[in-house]
Amino acid sequence: WLPLPRRLAWMVLNNLTQLACIKGVFRLSANFSPLTVTVTLSVRKFLSVVLSAVWFGNPWTSLHSIATVLIFGGVFAYSSFGTPPAAKKSDKSE
C-alpha cells in the first residue's frame, strides 16, 4: 500500500460529500416545488453557518441575525402571499 497524503484524503472525502449533496438537491428539485427546495437549502446553509460559528468559534454578529430574518421572512412572505397572478394575454387573432 502506498501512503495516502492526508490533504488528498480530505479532498476526496470533501468531493464525495459534495457529490452526495448535489445529488440530493437534484432529487429534491425533481420531486418538490421550488419553494420547498429554497426552504430546504436555506435551512441547510443556516445550519452550516451556525455549525461554523460553534465549531470554529466564529462570532455571531447582528448581520447574521438580520440576514436570517430577511431570508426566512422573505420565504414566509412568498409562501403566504404567493406570486401575483399573471397578466392575461390578449388574443389578437385576426
N, C-alpha and C. Protein backbone atom coordinates (compact mmCIF):
# COMPACT_ATOMS: atom_id res chain seq x y z
N TRP A 1 0.83 -1.19 0.00
CA TRP A 1 0.00 0.00 0.00
C TRP A 1 0.88 1.25 0.00
N LEU A 2 0.47 2.21 -0.79
CA LEU A 2 1.15 3.49 -0.78
C LEU A 2 0.47 4.40 0.22
N PRO A 3 1.25 5.15 0.96
CA PRO A 3 0.61 6.06 1.91
C PRO A 3 -0.14 7.16 1.16
N LEU A 4 -1.35 7.46 1.62
CA LEU A 4 -2.19 8.50 1.02
C LEU A 4 -1.98 9.79 1.80
N PRO A 5 -1.55 10.85 1.13
CA PRO A 5 -1.38 12.11 1.85
C PRO A 5 -2.69 12.56 2.49
N ARG A 6 -2.57 13.10 3.67
CA ARG A 6 -3.75 13.49 4.45
C ARG A 6 -4.61 14.51 3.70
N ARG A 7 -3.99 15.49 3.08
CA ARG A 7 -4.76 16.52 2.36
C ARG A 7 -5.52 15.90 1.20
N LEU A 8 -4.93 14.96 0.52
CA LEU A 8 -5.62 14.29 -0.59
C LEU A 8 -6.83 13.51 -0.08
N ALA A 9 -6.66 12.85 1.05
CA ALA A 9 -7.78 12.11 1.64
C ALA A 9 -8.93 13.05 2.00
N TRP A 10 -8.61 14.21 2.58
CA TRP A 10 -9.65 15.19 2.92
C TRP A 10 -10.33 15.73 1.67
N MET A 11 -9.54 15.94 0.61
CA MET A 11 -10.11 16.45 -0.64
C MET A 11 -11.06 15.43 -1.25
N VAL A 12 -10.68 14.17 -1.24
CA VAL A 12 -11.54 13.11 -1.77
C VAL A 12 -12.82 13.01 -0.94
N LEU A 13 -12.69 13.05 0.37
CA LEU A 13 -13.86 13.00 1.24
C LEU A 13 -14.78 14.20 0.99
N ASN A 14 -14.19 15.37 0.82
CA ASN A 14 -14.97 16.57 0.54
C ASN A 14 -15.72 16.43 -0.78
N ASN A 15 -15.05 15.91 -1.81
CA ASN A 15 -15.70 15.73 -3.10
C ASN A 15 -16.84 14.72 -3.03
N LEU A 16 -16.65 13.66 -2.27
CA LEU A 16 -17.72 12.67 -2.13
C LEU A 16 -18.94 13.23 -1.40
N THR A 17 -18.70 14.04 -0.37
CA THR A 17 -19.83 14.63 0.35
C THR A 17 -20.54 15.67 -0.53
N GLN A 18 -19.78 16.40 -1.35
CA GLN A 18 -20.41 17.35 -2.27
C GLN A 18 -21.22 16.63 -3.34
N LEU A 19 -20.73 15.50 -3.80
CA LEU A 19 -21.47 14.69 -4.76
C LEU A 19 -22.79 14.23 -4.17
N ALA A 20 -22.76 13.74 -2.94
CA ALA A 20 -23.98 13.30 -2.27
C ALA A 20 -24.94 14.48 -2.09
N CYS A 21 -24.41 15.63 -1.75
CA CYS A 21 -25.24 16.81 -1.54
C CYS A 21 -25.93 17.25 -2.83
N ILE A 22 -25.18 17.35 -3.91
CA ILE A 22 -25.77 17.82 -5.16
C ILE A 22 -26.75 16.82 -5.73
N LYS A 23 -26.50 15.52 -5.54
CA LYS A 23 -27.48 14.52 -5.97
C LYS A 23 -28.77 14.66 -5.18
N GLY A 24 -28.63 14.96 -3.88
CA GLY A 24 -29.81 15.18 -3.06
C GLY A 24 -30.60 16.40 -3.50
N VAL A 25 -29.89 17.46 -3.87
CA VAL A 25 -30.56 18.68 -4.34
C VAL A 25 -31.29 18.40 -5.65
N PHE A 26 -30.67 17.67 -6.57
CA PHE A 26 -31.33 17.34 -7.83
C PHE A 26 -32.57 16.49 -7.59
N ARG A 27 -32.47 15.52 -6.69
CA ARG A 27 -33.63 14.69 -6.36
C ARG A 27 -34.74 15.53 -5.73
N LEU A 28 -34.34 16.43 -4.84
CA LEU A 28 -35.31 17.29 -4.17
C LEU A 28 -36.02 18.17 -5.19
N SER A 29 -35.26 18.78 -6.10
CA SER A 29 -35.87 19.69 -7.08
C SER A 29 -36.73 18.94 -8.10
N ALA A 30 -36.45 17.67 -8.31
CA ALA A 30 -37.26 16.89 -9.25
C ALA A 30 -38.60 16.48 -8.65
N ASN A 31 -38.66 16.41 -7.32
CA ASN A 31 -39.86 15.87 -6.68
C ASN A 31 -40.68 16.89 -5.89
N PHE A 32 -40.15 18.09 -5.66
CA PHE A 32 -40.85 19.06 -4.84
C PHE A 32 -40.88 20.42 -5.50
N SER A 33 -41.70 21.31 -4.95
CA SER A 33 -41.85 22.65 -5.51
C SER A 33 -40.59 23.49 -5.29
N PRO A 34 -40.41 24.53 -6.09
CA PRO A 34 -39.26 25.41 -5.90
C PRO A 34 -39.21 26.03 -4.50
N LEU A 35 -40.37 26.33 -3.92
CA LEU A 35 -40.39 26.89 -2.57
C LEU A 35 -39.84 25.91 -1.56
N THR A 36 -40.20 24.65 -1.66
CA THR A 36 -39.70 23.62 -0.75
C THR A 36 -38.19 23.47 -0.90
N VAL A 37 -37.71 23.51 -2.13
CA VAL A 37 -36.26 23.42 -2.37
C VAL A 37 -35.55 24.62 -1.75
N THR A 38 -36.10 25.81 -1.93
CA THR A 38 -35.49 27.03 -1.38
C THR A 38 -35.44 26.98 0.14
N VAL A 39 -36.54 26.57 0.77
CA VAL A 39 -36.56 26.49 2.22
C VAL A 39 -35.55 25.46 2.71
N THR A 40 -35.51 24.31 2.07
CA THR A 40 -34.58 23.25 2.48
C THR A 40 -33.13 23.71 2.36
N LEU A 41 -32.78 24.33 1.25
CA LEU A 41 -31.40 24.79 1.06
C LEU A 41 -31.06 25.94 2.00
N SER A 42 -32.03 26.81 2.28
CA SER A 42 -31.78 27.91 3.22
C SER A 42 -31.54 27.38 4.63
N VAL A 43 -32.32 26.40 5.04
CA VAL A 43 -32.12 25.81 6.37
C VAL A 43 -30.76 25.12 6.44
N ARG A 44 -30.39 24.41 5.37
CA ARG A 44 -29.09 23.74 5.34
C ARG A 44 -27.94 24.75 5.45
N LYS A 45 -28.04 25.84 4.71
CA LYS A 45 -26.99 26.86 4.77
C LYS A 45 -26.97 27.54 6.14
N PHE A 46 -28.14 27.79 6.71
CA PHE A 46 -28.21 28.40 8.03
C PHE A 46 -27.54 27.49 9.07
N LEU A 47 -27.85 26.21 9.01
CA LEU A 47 -27.24 25.28 9.96
C LEU A 47 -25.73 25.18 9.75
N SER A 48 -25.29 25.31 8.51
CA SER A 48 -23.87 25.31 8.22
C SER A 48 -23.17 26.51 8.86
N VAL A 49 -23.80 27.67 8.77
CA VAL A 49 -23.23 28.88 9.38
C VAL A 49 -23.21 28.75 10.90
N VAL A 50 -24.29 28.23 11.47
CA VAL A 50 -24.35 28.05 12.93
C VAL A 50 -23.28 27.05 13.38
N LEU A 51 -23.15 25.95 12.66
CA LEU A 51 -22.13 24.96 12.98
C LEU A 51 -20.73 25.57 12.89
N SER A 52 -20.51 26.39 11.88
CA SER A 52 -19.21 27.05 11.72
C SER A 52 -18.94 27.98 12.90
N ALA A 53 -19.96 28.72 13.32
CA ALA A 53 -19.79 29.63 14.45
C ALA A 53 -19.45 28.87 15.73
N VAL A 54 -20.11 27.73 15.93
CA VAL A 54 -19.88 26.95 17.15
C VAL A 54 -18.55 26.20 17.06
N TRP A 55 -18.33 25.50 15.96
CA TRP A 55 -17.16 24.63 15.82
C TRP A 55 -15.85 25.41 15.81
N PHE A 56 -15.81 26.50 15.03
CA PHE A 56 -14.58 27.25 14.88
C PHE A 56 -14.50 28.48 15.77
N GLY A 57 -15.53 28.71 16.56
CA GLY A 57 -15.54 29.84 17.48
C GLY A 57 -15.70 31.18 16.79
N ASN A 58 -16.31 31.16 15.60
CA ASN A 58 -16.55 32.42 14.90
C ASN A 58 -17.67 33.19 15.58
N PRO A 59 -17.57 34.52 15.59
CA PRO A 59 -18.61 35.30 16.26
C PRO A 59 -19.91 35.32 15.46
N TRP A 60 -21.01 35.40 16.16
CA TRP A 60 -22.32 35.57 15.55
C TRP A 60 -22.65 37.04 15.67
N THR A 61 -22.72 37.73 14.55
CA THR A 61 -22.92 39.17 14.57
C THR A 61 -24.38 39.52 14.31
N SER A 62 -24.68 40.78 14.47
CA SER A 62 -26.04 41.24 14.19
C SER A 62 -26.38 41.08 12.71
N LEU A 63 -25.37 41.16 11.85
CA LEU A 63 -25.63 40.95 10.42
C LEU A 63 -26.11 39.53 10.14
N HIS A 64 -25.59 38.56 10.86
CA HIS A 64 -26.08 37.19 10.71
C HIS A 64 -27.57 37.12 11.07
N SER A 65 -27.92 37.76 12.16
CA SER A 65 -29.32 37.74 12.62
C SER A 65 -30.23 38.46 11.62
N ILE A 66 -29.78 39.60 11.11
CA ILE A 66 -30.57 40.36 10.15
C ILE A 66 -30.77 39.54 8.87
N ALA A 67 -29.70 38.92 8.39
CA ALA A 67 -29.80 38.10 7.18
C ALA A 67 -30.75 36.93 7.38
N THR A 68 -30.70 36.31 8.56
CA THR A 68 -31.58 35.19 8.85
C THR A 68 -33.04 35.63 8.81
N VAL A 69 -33.34 36.76 9.46
CA VAL A 69 -34.71 37.26 9.48
C VAL A 69 -35.17 37.62 8.06
N LEU A 70 -34.30 38.27 7.29
CA LEU A 70 -34.68 38.65 5.92
C LEU A 70 -34.93 37.44 5.03
N ILE A 71 -34.07 36.45 5.11
CA ILE A 71 -34.22 35.27 4.25
C ILE A 71 -35.47 34.48 4.61
N PHE A 72 -35.62 34.14 5.87
CA PHE A 72 -36.78 33.34 6.25
C PHE A 72 -38.06 34.16 6.22
N GLY A 73 -37.96 35.48 6.47
CA GLY A 73 -39.12 36.36 6.32
C GLY A 73 -39.58 36.42 4.88
N GLY A 74 -38.62 36.50 3.94
CA GLY A 74 -38.96 36.52 2.52
C GLY A 74 -39.61 35.22 2.08
N VAL A 75 -39.08 34.11 2.54
CA VAL A 75 -39.67 32.82 2.19
C VAL A 75 -41.07 32.71 2.77
N PHE A 76 -41.25 33.16 4.00
CA PHE A 76 -42.58 33.12 4.61
C PHE A 76 -43.55 34.00 3.84
N ALA A 77 -43.13 35.22 3.48
CA ALA A 77 -44.00 36.12 2.73
C ALA A 77 -44.37 35.52 1.38
N TYR A 78 -43.39 34.93 0.71
CA TYR A 78 -43.66 34.31 -0.59
C TYR A 78 -44.65 33.16 -0.46
N SER A 79 -44.47 32.35 0.58
CA SER A 79 -45.37 31.21 0.75
C SER A 79 -46.76 31.65 1.18
N SER A 80 -46.85 32.78 1.89
CA SER A 80 -48.15 33.25 2.35
C SER A 80 -48.93 33.98 1.27
N PHE A 81 -48.25 34.80 0.51
CA PHE A 81 -48.94 35.64 -0.46
C PHE A 81 -48.79 35.15 -1.89
N GLY A 82 -47.82 34.34 -2.14
CA GLY A 82 -47.63 33.79 -3.47
C GLY A 82 -47.18 34.83 -4.47
N THR A 83 -47.19 34.43 -5.70
CA THR A 83 -46.80 35.35 -6.76
C THR A 83 -48.05 36.03 -7.30
N PRO A 84 -47.91 37.22 -7.83
CA PRO A 84 -49.08 37.89 -8.40
C PRO A 84 -49.60 37.11 -9.61
N PRO A 85 -50.91 37.17 -9.82
CA PRO A 85 -51.45 36.44 -10.97
C PRO A 85 -50.86 36.99 -12.27
N ALA A 86 -50.63 36.11 -13.19
CA ALA A 86 -50.05 36.52 -14.48
C ALA A 86 -51.05 37.37 -15.24
N ALA A 87 -50.54 38.35 -15.92
CA ALA A 87 -51.42 39.20 -16.72
C ALA A 87 -52.03 38.37 -17.85
N LYS A 88 -53.31 38.57 -18.06
CA LYS A 88 -53.99 37.80 -19.09
C LYS A 88 -53.49 38.24 -20.46
N LYS A 89 -53.26 37.26 -21.28
CA LYS A 89 -52.81 37.54 -22.63
C LYS A 89 -54.03 37.91 -23.48
N SER A 90 -53.89 38.94 -24.24
CA SER A 90 -55.00 39.31 -25.13
C SER A 90 -54.83 38.61 -26.45
N ASP A 91 -55.87 37.98 -26.88
CA ASP A 91 -55.84 37.26 -28.15
C ASP A 91 -56.13 38.24 -29.26
N LYS A 92 -55.17 38.44 -30.10
CA LYS A 92 -55.35 39.33 -31.23
C LYS A 92 -55.26 38.52 -32.52
N SER A 93 -56.08 37.53 -32.57
CA SER A 93 -56.07 36.70 -33.78
C SER A 93 -56.97 37.33 -34.81
N GLU A 94 -56.42 37.64 -35.93
CA GLU A 94 -57.20 38.28 -36.99
C GLU A 94 -57.20 37.45 -38.22
